[in-house]
Amino acid sequence: MTRAAGTTTTTEGRGNHETVAGCALYVDGVPVQAPLDLRTLFTRARQTSGGFVWLGLHDPDEEELSHVADVFGLHPLAVEDVLHQEQRPKVERYENTVFAVLRAAQYVEHAQLTETSEIVNTGFVRIFVGEHFVITVRQGDVGELGTVRDDLEANPSMLAQGPWAVVHAIFDRVVDVYVDITAALQTDLDAVEAAVFSPGRNVGIDQIYQLKRELMEFKAAVVPLQRPLATLLDRQMTAVVPKEIRRYFRDVADHHARAVDAVTSYDDLLNTILQARLAQVTVDQNNDMRKIASWAAIAALQTAIAGIYGMNFDYMPELEWRYGYPGVLTVMLVSAVLLYRRLRKAEWL
């Protein structure tokens, strides 16, 4: 990816350069020539009308975050939140800085659903936004933001609206991916539902449960984002979020509502499919038990007849009859056939 002239990949010699995914000074939506160190870059942004710095970090360590916090004046509690990766999506306001957390997601292509299939990956994107800066912190392999930067640089009029234009673009990209994932999950659910109710029933409970677990991970990323979006659209944020950008956030909220509705319905449908499969397993087990009991009954009848004639009493019927042995065998065979037909008619066999 080709970066503009204003791009820098250093933080005054501190930290690993690989953690800086991108950094540039923008003036009226256009990247400009700028010094390489963050402190001077931020000073230029504050002294320039319509200027702001966009710094992108990927998996920074505590030392690197501390340096960035010192340069941009980030609140210690927000920095601490970045170091604790497992968090719900949220938006918090610290004096002149707004801190946002959202979970990015990625659909993992798979040939077929198994009990170990990985279907959805998630990662965290944290955003610090102030009057003259926006800092994005991506943690994990999900939520790549390089293309977001490229798209915005290709649209200077949008980027000229300031740091909140970047925040909107990130939210919009994350939510659009949510919508794409719901479409892919619909295909998986349709395949599982068809397999469960097909005569072959080649899907196991463990496969359905794995899909359920992956859906829960995706749901944990999608549903909690409702409150942060509502916060950004609240009137109390009017002084922070520009009016024009708020209109764009309403569109993001509409798309997000579609994703939430889809995930909720998928959860309900998957619960129904799981219960149906459990009921099928119970019915199959009952059928197997009836078959076992039926064959046991047939065998018990033959055992009873053989047991009687195995007592070797002197005065047993047919002991002196020439055809006694073949006759008893015939009775055993006929009784077995009659009992078998009776059980078949009762659908036990």
Protein backbone atom coordinates (compact mmCIF):
# COMPACT_ATOMS: atom_id res chain seq x y z
CA MET A 1 0.00 0.00 0.00
CA THR A 2 1.50 3.34 -1.01
CA ARG A 3 1.41 5.99 1.69
CA ALA A 4 1.19 9.72 1.17
CA ALA A 5 4.02 12.17 1.75
CA GLY A 6 2.81 12.99 5.22
CA THR A 7 3.04 9.42 6.43
CA THR A 8 5.43 8.54 9.22
CA THR A 9 6.27 5.25 10.89
CA THR A 10 8.22 6.28 13.93
CA THR A 11 7.39 7.41 17.46
CA GLU A 12 10.54 9.34 18.34
CA GLY A 13 12.61 6.19 18.41
CA ARG A 14 10.43 4.40 20.95
CA GLY A 15 8.84 1.03 20.42
CA ASN A 16 8.73 -1.28 17.45
CA HIS A 17 8.12 0.46 14.13
CA GLU A 18 5.96 -2.47 13.05
CA THR A 19 3.31 -1.45 15.56
CA VAL A 20 2.71 1.80 13.65
CA ALA A 21 0.34 0.82 10.86
CA GLY A 22 0.11 4.38 9.54
CA CYS A 23 0.54 7.99 10.60
CA ALA A 24 -0.09 11.23 8.74
CA LEU A 25 -0.98 14.89 9.17
CA TYR A 26 -4.07 15.90 7.21
CA VAL A 27 -5.04 19.48 6.42
CA ASP A 28 -8.46 20.00 4.87
CA GLY A 29 -8.57 16.31 4.01
CA VAL A 30 -5.21 16.21 2.22
CA PRO A 31 -2.03 14.56 3.62
CA VAL A 32 0.78 17.10 3.81
CA GLN A 33 4.55 17.06 4.26
CA ALA A 34 5.26 16.73 7.98
CA PRO A 35 8.09 16.06 10.46
CA LEU A 36 8.69 12.49 11.47
CA ASP A 37 8.24 12.65 15.26
CA LEU A 38 4.76 12.52 16.78
CA ARG A 39 5.13 15.46 19.13
CA THR A 40 6.08 17.89 16.37
CA LEU A 41 3.45 16.38 14.10
CA PHE A 42 0.73 16.95 16.70
CA THR A 43 1.96 20.50 17.34
CA ARG A 44 1.69 21.24 13.61
CA ALA A 45 -1.88 19.87 13.62
CA ARG A 46 -2.95 22.13 16.50
CA GLN A 47 -1.41 25.18 14.84
CA THR A 48 -3.05 24.50 11.48
CA SER A 49 -6.70 25.24 10.77
CA GLY A 50 -8.45 22.08 9.63
CA GLY A 51 -5.48 19.93 10.55
CA PHE A 52 -5.42 16.65 12.47
CA VAL A 53 -3.16 13.64 12.95
CA TRP A 54 -4.31 10.10 12.25
CA LEU A 55 -2.11 7.56 14.01
CA GLY A 56 -2.78 3.86 13.52
CA LEU A 57 -1.27 1.29 15.90
CA HIS A 58 -1.32 -2.50 15.78
CA ASP A 59 -0.80 -4.47 19.01
CA PRO A 60 1.30 -1.82 20.81
CA ASP A 61 2.93 -2.63 24.12
CA GLU A 62 2.59 -0.65 27.35
CA GLU A 63 5.69 1.48 26.74
CA GLU A 64 4.54 2.54 23.29
CA LEU A 65 1.05 3.36 24.55
CA SER A 66 2.49 5.40 27.40
CA HIS A 67 4.51 7.46 24.96
CA VAL A 68 1.51 8.08 22.70
CA ALA A 69 -0.61 8.99 25.74
CA ASP A 70 2.02 11.49 26.83
CA VAL A 71 2.15 13.14 23.40
CA PHE A 72 -1.61 13.40 22.88
CA GLY A 73 -2.66 13.81 26.52
CA LEU A 74 -4.76 10.65 26.70
CA HIS A 75 -6.53 9.80 29.95
CA PRO A 76 -4.78 7.05 31.98
CA LEU A 77 -8.03 5.11 32.46
CA ALA A 78 -8.58 4.92 28.72
CA VAL A 79 -4.99 3.77 28.19
CA GLU A 80 -5.50 1.13 30.86
CA ASP A 81 -8.59 -0.07 29.00
CA VAL A 82 -6.49 -0.64 25.89
CA LEU A 83 -4.16 -2.93 27.84
CA HIS A 84 -7.12 -5.00 29.06
CA GLN A 85 -8.24 -6.53 25.79
CA GLU A 86 -11.49 -8.23 26.82
CA GLN A 87 -14.06 -5.44 26.92
CA ARG A 88 -17.55 -4.74 25.70
CA PRO A 89 -17.99 -2.14 22.95
CA LYS A 90 -18.44 1.29 24.50
CA VAL A 91 -18.02 5.03 24.07
CA GLU A 92 -16.65 7.12 26.94
CA ARG A 93 -15.86 10.81 27.12
CA TYR A 94 -12.76 12.06 28.95
CA GLU A 95 -12.71 15.87 29.00
CA ASN A 96 -11.68 16.77 25.42
CA THR A 97 -11.12 13.18 24.29
CA VAL A 98 -13.62 10.48 23.36
CA PHE A 99 -12.61 6.84 23.73
CA ALA A 100 -14.46 4.15 21.76
CA VAL A 101 -14.16 0.36 21.81
CA LEU A 102 -15.65 -1.91 19.18
CA ARG A 103 -15.09 -5.49 18.14
CA ALA A 104 -14.25 -6.24 14.55
CA ALA A 105 -15.21 -9.61 13.10
CA GLN A 106 -14.11 -11.79 10.20
CA TYR A 107 -15.81 -14.77 8.57
CA VAL A 108 -13.58 -17.83 8.17
CA GLU A 109 -14.25 -19.82 5.02
CA HIS A 110 -14.64 -23.57 5.59
CA ALA A 111 -15.37 -26.50 3.33
CA GLN A 112 -17.77 -28.14 5.77
CA LEU A 113 -18.99 -27.70 9.31
CA THR A 114 -17.23 -29.90 11.87
CA GLU A 115 -17.12 -30.00 15.65
CA THR A 116 -13.89 -27.90 15.52
CA SER A 117 -14.70 -25.52 12.66
CA GLU A 118 -13.63 -21.93 13.17
CA ILE A 119 -16.33 -19.79 11.59
CA VAL A 120 -15.94 -16.29 13.05
CA ASN A 121 -12.81 -14.51 14.30
CA THR A 122 -13.02 -11.33 16.34
CA GLY A 123 -10.59 -8.65 17.40
CA PHE A 124 -10.67 -5.26 19.10
CA VAL A 125 -10.42 -1.79 17.62
CA ARG A 126 -9.94 1.07 20.07
CA ILE A 127 -10.26 4.70 19.00
CA PHE A 128 -9.10 7.88 20.71
CA VAL A 129 -10.49 10.98 19.08
CA GLY A 130 -9.86 14.62 19.91
CA GLU A 131 -10.15 17.95 18.15
CA HIS A 132 -6.88 17.53 16.26
CA PHE A 133 -6.17 13.82 16.35
CA VAL A 134 -7.59 10.35 15.97
CA ILE A 135 -5.67 7.30 17.20
CA THR A 136 -6.74 3.80 16.22
CA VAL A 137 -5.41 0.81 18.12
CA ARG A 138 -6.04 -2.56 16.49
CA GLN A 139 -5.51 -5.71 18.55
CA GLY A 140 -5.52 -9.08 16.85
CA ASP A 141 -5.48 -10.07 13.20
CA VAL A 142 -9.03 -8.88 12.54
CA GLY A 143 -10.16 -5.38 11.60
CA GLU A 144 -7.56 -4.25 9.07
CA LEU A 145 -7.83 -0.45 8.66
CA GLY A 146 -5.37 0.24 5.84
CA THR A 147 -8.10 0.13 3.22
CA VAL A 148 -10.20 2.52 5.32
CA ARG A 149 -7.35 5.03 5.20
CA ASP A 150 -6.96 4.56 1.45
CA ASP A 151 -10.69 5.07 0.84
CA LEU A 152 -10.76 8.24 2.92
CA GLU A 153 -7.66 9.67 1.25
CA ALA A 154 -9.41 9.07 -2.06
CA ASN A 155 -12.32 11.20 -0.76
CA PRO A 156 -10.72 14.44 0.57
CA SER A 157 -14.09 16.17 1.00
CA MET A 158 -15.12 13.55 3.55
CA LEU A 159 -11.73 13.50 5.26
CA ALA A 160 -11.82 17.31 5.48
CA GLN A 161 -14.61 17.02 8.05
CA GLY A 162 -12.00 16.06 10.61
CA PRO A 163 -11.22 13.18 12.98
CA TRP A 164 -14.86 12.18 13.36
CA ALA A 165 -14.97 11.37 9.65
CA VAL A 166 -12.33 8.73 10.37
CA VAL A 167 -14.32 7.40 13.33
CA HIS A 168 -17.43 7.12 11.15
CA ALA A 169 -15.50 5.32 8.40
CA ILE A 170 -14.20 2.75 10.90
CA PHE A 171 -17.62 2.15 12.43
CA ASP A 172 -19.12 1.91 8.96
CA ARG A 173 -16.53 -0.64 7.81
CA VAL A 174 -16.94 -2.78 10.93
CA VAL A 175 -20.74 -2.80 10.65
CA ASP A 176 -20.65 -3.54 6.91
CA VAL A 177 -18.52 -6.59 7.68
CA TYR A 178 -21.12 -7.60 10.29
CA VAL A 179 -23.80 -7.53 7.59
CA ASP A 180 -21.63 -9.61 5.23
CA ILE A 181 -21.01 -12.18 7.96
CA THR A 182 -24.73 -12.52 8.69
CA ALA A 183 -25.27 -13.42 5.02
CA ALA A 184 -22.53 -16.07 5.21
CA LEU A 185 -23.93 -17.46 8.46
CA GLN A 186 -27.34 -17.72 6.82
CA THR A 187 -25.81 -20.15 4.32
CA ASP A 188 -24.32 -22.23 7.16
CA LEU A 189 -27.64 -22.30 9.01
CA ASP A 190 -29.54 -23.34 5.89
CA ALA A 191 -27.08 -26.19 5.33
CA VAL A 192 -27.37 -27.38 8.95
CA GLU A 193 -31.15 -27.15 8.91
CA ALA A 194 -31.36 -29.13 5.67
CA ALA A 195 -28.99 -31.78 7.05
CA VAL A 196 -30.94 -32.15 10.31
CA PHE A 197 -34.25 -32.71 8.57
CA SER A 198 -32.94 -34.82 5.70
CA PRO A 199 -33.45 -38.62 5.79
CA GLY A 200 -29.71 -39.26 6.16
CA ARG A 201 -29.24 -36.85 9.11
CA ASN A 202 -25.47 -36.63 8.64
CA VAL A 203 -25.02 -33.76 11.11
CA GLY A 204 -24.20 -34.36 14.77
CA ILE A 205 -25.10 -32.41 17.87
CA ASP A 206 -21.45 -31.46 18.36
CA GLN A 207 -21.41 -29.77 14.94
CA ILE A 208 -24.55 -27.79 15.73
CA TYR A 209 -23.13 -26.82 19.11
CA GLN A 210 -19.90 -25.60 17.47
CA LEU A 211 -21.93 -23.38 15.15
CA LYS A 212 -23.81 -22.16 18.23
CA ARG A 213 -20.55 -21.25 19.98
CA GLU A 214 -19.25 -19.36 16.95
CA LEU A 215 -22.56 -17.52 16.64
CA MET A 216 -22.34 -16.53 20.30
CA GLU A 217 -18.87 -15.08 19.73
CA PHE A 218 -20.21 -13.07 16.80
CA LYS A 219 -23.26 -12.00 18.81
CA ALA A 220 -20.99 -10.75 21.60
CA ALA A 221 -19.36 -8.46 19.06
CA VAL A 222 -22.51 -7.22 17.32
CA VAL A 223 -25.23 -6.70 19.92
CA PRO A 224 -23.30 -4.61 22.51
CA LEU A 225 -22.46 -2.03 19.83
CA GLN A 226 -26.05 -0.75 20.05
CA ARG A 227 -25.36 1.38 23.12
CA PRO A 228 -22.18 3.07 21.76
CA LEU A 229 -24.02 3.99 18.56
CA ALA A 230 -26.91 5.36 20.60
CA THR A 231 -24.42 7.39 22.64
CA LEU A 232 -22.89 8.92 19.52
CA LEU A 233 -26.37 9.89 18.31
CA ASP A 234 -27.40 11.33 21.67
CA ARG A 235 -27.93 15.07 21.92
CA GLN A 236 -25.28 15.30 24.62
CA MET A 237 -22.67 14.47 21.95
CA THR A 238 -23.78 17.34 19.70
CA ALA A 239 -20.91 19.52 20.87
CA VAL A 240 -18.42 16.75 20.07
CA VAL A 241 -19.68 14.99 16.93
CA PRO A 242 -20.27 17.33 13.96
CA LYS A 243 -23.87 17.52 12.77
CA GLU A 244 -23.08 16.22 9.29
CA ILE A 245 -21.18 13.22 10.69
CA ARG A 246 -24.09 12.42 13.01
CA ARG A 247 -26.24 11.91 9.92
CA TYR A 248 -23.74 9.34 8.65
CA PHE A 249 -23.78 7.60 12.03
CA ARG A 250 -27.57 7.23 11.73
CA ASP A 251 -27.03 5.26 8.54
CA VAL A 252 -24.48 3.07 10.34
CA ALA A 253 -27.00 2.52 13.15
CA ASP A 254 -29.62 1.40 10.60
CA HIS A 255 -27.23 -1.14 9.09
CA HIS A 256 -26.23 -2.30 12.54
CA ALA A 257 -29.88 -2.83 13.50
CA ARG A 258 -30.20 -5.19 10.52
CA ALA A 259 -27.21 -7.17 11.72
CA VAL A 260 -28.59 -7.35 15.27
CA ASP A 261 -31.98 -8.57 14.02
CA ALA A 262 -30.28 -11.21 11.89
CA VAL A 263 -28.04 -12.47 14.71
CA THR A 264 -30.97 -12.63 17.14
CA SER A 265 -33.11 -14.60 14.69
CA TYR A 266 -30.18 -16.93 13.92
CA ASP A 267 -29.75 -17.60 17.63
CA ASP A 268 -33.41 -18.51 18.00
CA LEU A 269 -33.35 -20.66 14.86
CA LEU A 270 -30.21 -22.48 15.98
CA ASN A 271 -31.79 -23.19 19.37
CA THR A 272 -34.78 -24.68 17.56
CA ILE A 273 -32.54 -26.78 15.30
CA LEU A 274 -30.56 -28.02 18.30
CA GLN A 275 -33.74 -28.98 20.18
CA ALA A 276 -35.07 -30.72 17.08
CA ARG A 277 -31.86 -32.73 16.69
CA LEU A 278 -31.93 -33.69 20.37
CA ALA A 279 -35.53 -34.84 19.93
CA GLN A 280 -34.48 -36.88 16.90
CA VAL A 281 -31.69 -38.51 18.89
CA THR A 282 -34.16 -39.36 21.66
CA VAL A 283 -36.60 -40.86 19.15
CA ASP A 284 -33.79 -42.84 17.49
CA GLN A 285 -32.70 -44.17 20.87
CA ASN A 286 -36.28 -45.17 21.73
CA ASN A 287 -36.57 -46.95 18.39
CA ASP A 288 -33.34 -48.79 19.05
CA MET A 289 -34.55 -49.82 22.51
CA ARG A 290 -37.82 -51.11 21.07
CA LYS A 291 -35.96 -53.15 18.49
CA ILE A 292 -33.69 -54.62 21.15
CA ALA A 293 -36.69 -55.41 23.35
CA SER A 294 -38.52 -57.03 20.40
CA TRP A 295 -35.65 -59.33 19.51
CA ALA A 296 -35.20 -60.13 23.18
CA ALA A 297 -38.87 -61.14 23.38
CA ILE A 298 -38.50 -63.43 20.36
CA ALA A 299 -35.38 -64.99 21.85
CA ALA A 300 -37.05 -65.33 25.26
CA LEU A 301 -39.94 -67.35 23.77
CA GLN A 302 -37.55 -69.81 22.18
CA THR A 303 -35.53 -70.00 25.39
CA ALA A 304 -38.66 -70.78 27.38
CA ILE A 305 -39.66 -73.66 25.10
CA ALA A 306 -36.10 -75.05 25.02
CA GLY A 307 -35.86 -74.67 28.80
CA ILE A 308 -39.01 -76.71 29.37
CA TYR A 309 -37.81 -79.57 27.22
CA GLY A 310 -34.39 -79.37 28.78
CA MET A 311 -35.72 -80.40 32.20
CA ASN A 312 -35.52 -84.11 31.22
CA PHE A 313 -38.63 -85.25 33.07
CA ASP A 314 -39.76 -88.81 32.41
CA TYR A 315 -43.31 -87.87 31.53
CA MET A 316 -42.91 -85.05 29.00
CA PRO A 317 -45.27 -84.69 26.01
CA GLU A 318 -43.95 -85.98 22.74
CA LEU A 319 -40.90 -87.69 24.33
CA GLU A 320 -41.98 -91.01 22.91
CA TRP A 321 -43.41 -89.52 19.71
CA ARG A 322 -41.37 -90.15 16.62
CA TYR A 323 -41.87 -86.59 15.33
CA GLY A 324 -41.64 -84.89 18.72
CA TYR A 325 -38.30 -83.17 18.13
CA PRO A 326 -39.18 -81.83 14.66
CA GLY A 327 -42.60 -80.84 16.03
CA VAL A 328 -41.14 -78.77 18.85
CA LEU A 329 -38.73 -77.08 16.42
CA THR A 330 -41.68 -76.27 14.19
CA VAL A 331 -43.60 -74.77 17.12
CA MET A 332 -40.58 -72.67 18.01
CA LEU A 333 -40.17 -71.45 14.42
CA VAL A 334 -43.88 -70.68 13.93
CA SER A 335 -44.13 -68.87 17.27
CA ALA A 336 -41.05 -66.79 16.41
CA VAL A 337 -42.49 -65.85 13.01
CA LEU A 338 -45.91 -64.96 14.45
CA LEU A 339 -44.33 -62.82 17.20
CA TYR A 340 -42.06 -61.14 14.65
CA ARG A 341 -45.02 -60.26 12.42
CA ARG A 342 -46.94 -58.95 15.40
CA LEU A 343 -44.07 -56.70 16.43
CA ARG A 344 -43.62 -55.51 12.86
CA LYS A 345 -47.27 -54.58 12.68
CA ALA A 346 -46.88 -52.61 15.91
CA GLU A 347 -43.83 -50.85 14.29
CA TRP A 348 -41.44 -52.13 16.92
CA LEU A 349 -39.30 -53.75 14.26
